[in-house]
Amino acid sequence: LPSNESIVAFHDLTKKANAKRGIAVGCGGLYWKNRAFTASKNTWVSWERFVDSEVSIDRADADVWIAPSMQLGLNDTSQQRTIYELLLAIQNELRRMRDEHTGLMSQSPIELRH
């Protein structure tokens, strides 16, 4: 994690609840730590990139993917659905906020009277 990043939420992915691996929701994006043998070396995505990325479940193992090539190596099928749904919920909220902001910006300016 960047030293200047503020963490809003953390989801522990370890079986022993020691927080050595997990998903962190930060102000600048989404961060995670993969196991050493996970093929993808990407461990973060900005909100701007994440909002419209495809999120999918890898049916061959317990991983979740953020397209095009970011792998969250969960190594635990019991958490796969939860993480997948969490990521979709975050995306939906980001899209809602973007659409709301875009709608506000496209409205006619308010006429000010002196």
C-alpha atoms as a PDB file:
ATOM      1  CA  LEU A   1       0.000   0.000   0.000  1.00  0.00           C
ATOM      2  CA  PRO A   2       1.199   3.514  -0.663  1.00  0.00           C
ATOM      3  CA  SER A   3       2.214   5.219   2.569  1.00  0.00           C
ATOM      4  CA  ASN A   4      -0.199   8.096   1.937  1.00  0.00           C
ATOM      5  CA  GLU A   5      -3.225   5.822   1.281  1.00  0.00           C
ATOM      6  CA  SER A   6      -6.135   5.914   3.724  1.00  0.00           C
ATOM      7  CA  ILE A   7      -7.855   2.566   4.261  1.00  0.00           C
ATOM      8  CA  VAL A   8     -11.636   2.724   4.596  1.00  0.00           C
ATOM      9  CA  ALA A   9     -12.323  -1.010   5.012  1.00  0.00           C
ATOM     10  CA  PHE A  10     -10.442  -4.321   5.109  1.00  0.00           C
ATOM     11  CA  HIS A  11     -11.694  -7.856   4.474  1.00  0.00           C
ATOM     12  CA  ASP A  12      -9.384 -10.490   5.979  1.00  0.00           C
ATOM     13  CA  LEU A  13      -8.867 -13.489   3.683  1.00  0.00           C
ATOM     14  CA  THR A  14      -6.849 -15.629   6.085  1.00  0.00           C
ATOM     15  CA  LYS A  15      -8.266 -18.680   7.825  1.00  0.00           C
ATOM     16  CA  LYS A  16      -6.540 -17.705  11.090  1.00  0.00           C
ATOM     17  CA  ALA A  17      -7.822 -14.104  10.955  1.00  0.00           C
ATOM     18  CA  ASN A  18      -4.276 -12.744  11.158  1.00  0.00           C
ATOM     19  CA  ALA A  19      -4.833 -10.152   8.382  1.00  0.00           C
ATOM     20  CA  LYS A  20      -1.724 -11.211   6.452  1.00  0.00           C
ATOM     21  CA  ARG A  21      -3.803 -11.373   3.266  1.00  0.00           C
ATOM     22  CA  GLY A  22      -6.949  -9.518   2.397  1.00  0.00           C
ATOM     23  CA  ILE A  23      -8.712  -6.883   0.362  1.00  0.00           C
ATOM     24  CA  ALA A  24      -8.344  -3.265   1.380  1.00  0.00           C
ATOM     25  CA  VAL A  25     -10.711  -0.543   0.251  1.00  0.00           C
ATOM     26  CA  GLY A  26      -8.753   2.690   0.072  1.00  0.00           C
ATOM     27  CA  CYS A  27      -9.488   6.218  -1.043  1.00  0.00           C
ATOM     28  CA  GLY A  28      -7.471   5.674  -4.226  1.00  0.00           C
ATOM     29  CA  GLY A  29      -8.643   2.192  -5.126  1.00  0.00           C
ATOM     30  CA  LEU A  30      -8.834  -1.458  -4.223  1.00  0.00           C
ATOM     31  CA  TYR A  31      -5.751  -3.296  -2.894  1.00  0.00           C
ATOM     32  CA  TRP A  32      -5.073  -6.970  -2.208  1.00  0.00           C
ATOM     33  CA  LYS A  33      -2.246  -9.350  -1.451  1.00  0.00           C
ATOM     34  CA  ASN A  34      -1.966 -12.554  -3.463  1.00  0.00           C
ATOM     35  CA  ARG A  35      -0.214 -15.723  -2.442  1.00  0.00           C
ATOM     36  CA  ALA A  36       3.306 -16.157  -3.834  1.00  0.00           C
ATOM     37  CA  PHE A  37       2.233 -18.676  -6.490  1.00  0.00           C
ATOM     38  CA  THR A  38      -0.570 -16.535  -7.970  1.00  0.00           C
ATOM     39  CA  ALA A  39       0.214 -15.777 -11.615  1.00  0.00           C
ATOM     40  CA  SER A  40      -1.030 -12.178 -11.600  1.00  0.00           C
ATOM     41  CA  LYS A  41       1.417  -9.733 -10.058  1.00  0.00           C
ATOM     42  CA  ASN A  42      -1.106  -6.866 -10.030  1.00  0.00           C
ATOM     43  CA  THR A  43      -2.233  -6.117  -6.494  1.00  0.00           C
ATOM     44  CA  TRP A  44      -4.293  -2.956  -6.867  1.00  0.00           C
ATOM     45  CA  VAL A  45      -6.689  -1.172  -9.178  1.00  0.00           C
ATOM     46  CA  SER A  46      -7.753   2.479  -9.176  1.00  0.00           C
ATOM     47  CA  TRP A  47     -11.448   3.299  -8.794  1.00  0.00           C
ATOM     48  CA  GLU A  48     -11.427   4.911 -12.242  1.00  0.00           C
ATOM     49  CA  ARG A  49     -10.264   1.661 -13.836  1.00  0.00           C
ATOM     50  CA  PHE A  50     -12.286  -0.666 -11.607  1.00  0.00           C
ATOM     51  CA  VAL A  51     -15.702   0.965 -12.069  1.00  0.00           C
ATOM     52  CA  ASP A  52     -16.178  -0.381 -15.603  1.00  0.00           C
ATOM     53  CA  SER A  53     -13.990  -3.499 -15.460  1.00  0.00           C
ATOM     54  CA  GLU A  54     -15.549  -6.926 -15.799  1.00  0.00           C
ATOM     55  CA  VAL A  55     -15.458  -8.928 -12.564  1.00  0.00           C
ATOM     56  CA  SER A  56     -15.678 -12.701 -12.874  1.00  0.00           C
ATOM     57  CA  ILE A  57     -15.341 -15.931 -10.947  1.00  0.00           C
ATOM     58  CA  ASP A  58     -12.736 -18.443 -12.066  1.00  0.00           C
ATOM     59  CA  ARG A  59     -14.621 -21.729 -12.104  1.00  0.00           C
ATOM     60  CA  ALA A  60     -11.345 -23.697 -12.246  1.00  0.00           C
ATOM     61  CA  ASP A  61     -10.235 -22.510  -8.804  1.00  0.00           C
ATOM     62  CA  ALA A  62     -11.145 -20.101  -6.029  1.00  0.00           C
ATOM     63  CA  ASP A  63      -9.934 -16.927  -7.708  1.00  0.00           C
ATOM     64  CA  VAL A  64     -11.819 -13.797  -8.713  1.00  0.00           C
ATOM     65  CA  TRP A  65     -10.666 -11.807 -11.737  1.00  0.00           C
ATOM     66  CA  ILE A  66     -10.885  -8.121 -12.566  1.00  0.00           C
ATOM     67  CA  ALA A  67     -10.530  -7.807 -16.343  1.00  0.00           C
ATOM     68  CA  PRO A  68      -8.367  -7.778 -18.198  1.00  0.00           C
ATOM     69  CA  SER A  69      -5.677  -9.477 -16.114  1.00  0.00           C
ATOM     70  CA  MET A  70      -5.947  -8.822 -12.381  1.00  0.00           C
ATOM     71  CA  GLN A  71      -6.270 -11.961 -10.313  1.00  0.00           C
ATOM     72  CA  LEU A  72      -7.345 -12.062  -6.690  1.00  0.00           C
ATOM     73  CA  GLY A  73      -5.822 -15.353  -5.578  1.00  0.00           C
ATOM     74  CA  LEU A  74      -8.215 -16.293  -2.802  1.00  0.00           C
ATOM     75  CA  ASN A  75      -7.181 -19.950  -2.444  1.00  0.00           C
ATOM     76  CA  ASP A  76     -10.480 -20.538  -0.638  1.00  0.00           C
ATOM     77  CA  THR A  77     -13.670 -21.413  -2.502  1.00  0.00           C
ATOM     78  CA  SER A  78     -15.770 -20.556   0.560  1.00  0.00           C
ATOM     79  CA  GLN A  79     -14.863 -16.854   0.122  1.00  0.00           C
ATOM     80  CA  GLN A  80     -15.092 -16.686  -3.665  1.00  0.00           C
ATOM     81  CA  ARG A  81     -18.801 -15.827  -3.922  1.00  0.00           C
ATOM     82  CA  THR A  82     -18.582 -13.308  -1.042  1.00  0.00           C
ATOM     83  CA  ILE A  83     -15.656 -11.440  -2.610  1.00  0.00           C
ATOM     84  CA  TYR A  84     -17.264 -11.527  -6.056  1.00  0.00           C
ATOM     85  CA  GLU A  85     -20.507 -10.053  -4.703  1.00  0.00           C
ATOM     86  CA  LEU A  86     -18.605  -7.472  -2.637  1.00  0.00           C
ATOM     87  CA  LEU A  87     -16.754  -6.279  -5.740  1.00  0.00           C
ATOM     88  CA  LEU A  88     -19.980  -6.071  -7.747  1.00  0.00           C
ATOM     89  CA  ALA A  89     -21.642  -4.077  -4.940  1.00  0.00           C
ATOM     90  CA  ILE A  90     -18.707  -1.644  -4.847  1.00  0.00           C
ATOM     91  CA  GLN A  91     -18.911  -1.252  -8.625  1.00  0.00           C
ATOM     92  CA  ASN A  92     -22.641  -0.590  -8.502  1.00  0.00           C
ATOM     93  CA  GLU A  93     -22.160   2.110  -5.873  1.00  0.00           C
ATOM     94  CA  LEU A  94     -19.321   3.709  -7.833  1.00  0.00           C
ATOM     95  CA  ARG A  95     -21.468   3.744 -10.975  1.00  0.00           C
ATOM     96  CA  ARG A  96     -24.404   5.219  -9.079  1.00  0.00           C
ATOM     97  CA  MET A  97     -22.222   7.993  -7.673  1.00  0.00           C
ATOM     98  CA  ARG A  98     -20.689   8.665 -11.097  1.00  0.00           C
ATOM     99  CA  ASP A  99     -24.098   8.802 -12.766  1.00  0.00           C
ATOM    100  CA  GLU A 100     -25.450  11.086 -10.040  1.00  0.00           C
ATOM    101  CA  HIS A 101     -22.448  13.397 -10.364  1.00  0.00           C
ATOM    102  CA  THR A 102     -22.700  13.393 -14.171  1.00  0.00           C
ATOM    103  CA  GLY A 103     -26.400  14.259 -13.921  1.00  0.00           C
ATOM    104  CA  LEU A 104     -25.667  17.164 -11.620  1.00  0.00           C
ATOM    105  CA  MET A 105     -22.949  18.462 -13.902  1.00  0.00           C
ATOM    106  CA  SER A 106     -25.189  18.316 -16.979  1.00  0.00           C
ATOM    107  CA  GLN A 107     -28.049  20.305 -15.447  1.00  0.00           C
ATOM    108  CA  SER A 108     -28.537  23.884 -16.551  1.00  0.00           C
ATOM    109  CA  PRO A 109     -26.629  26.376 -14.453  1.00  0.00           C
ATOM    110  CA  ILE A 110     -28.628  28.279 -11.873  1.00  0.00           C
ATOM    111  CA  GLU A 111     -29.143  31.912 -12.825  1.00  0.00           C
ATOM    112  CA  LEU A 112     -27.841  34.190 -10.113  1.00  0.00           C
ATOM    113  CA  ARG A 113     -29.441  37.577  -9.619  1.00  0.00           C
ATOM    114  CA  HIS A 114     -27.547  40.477  -8.179  1.00  0.00           C
END
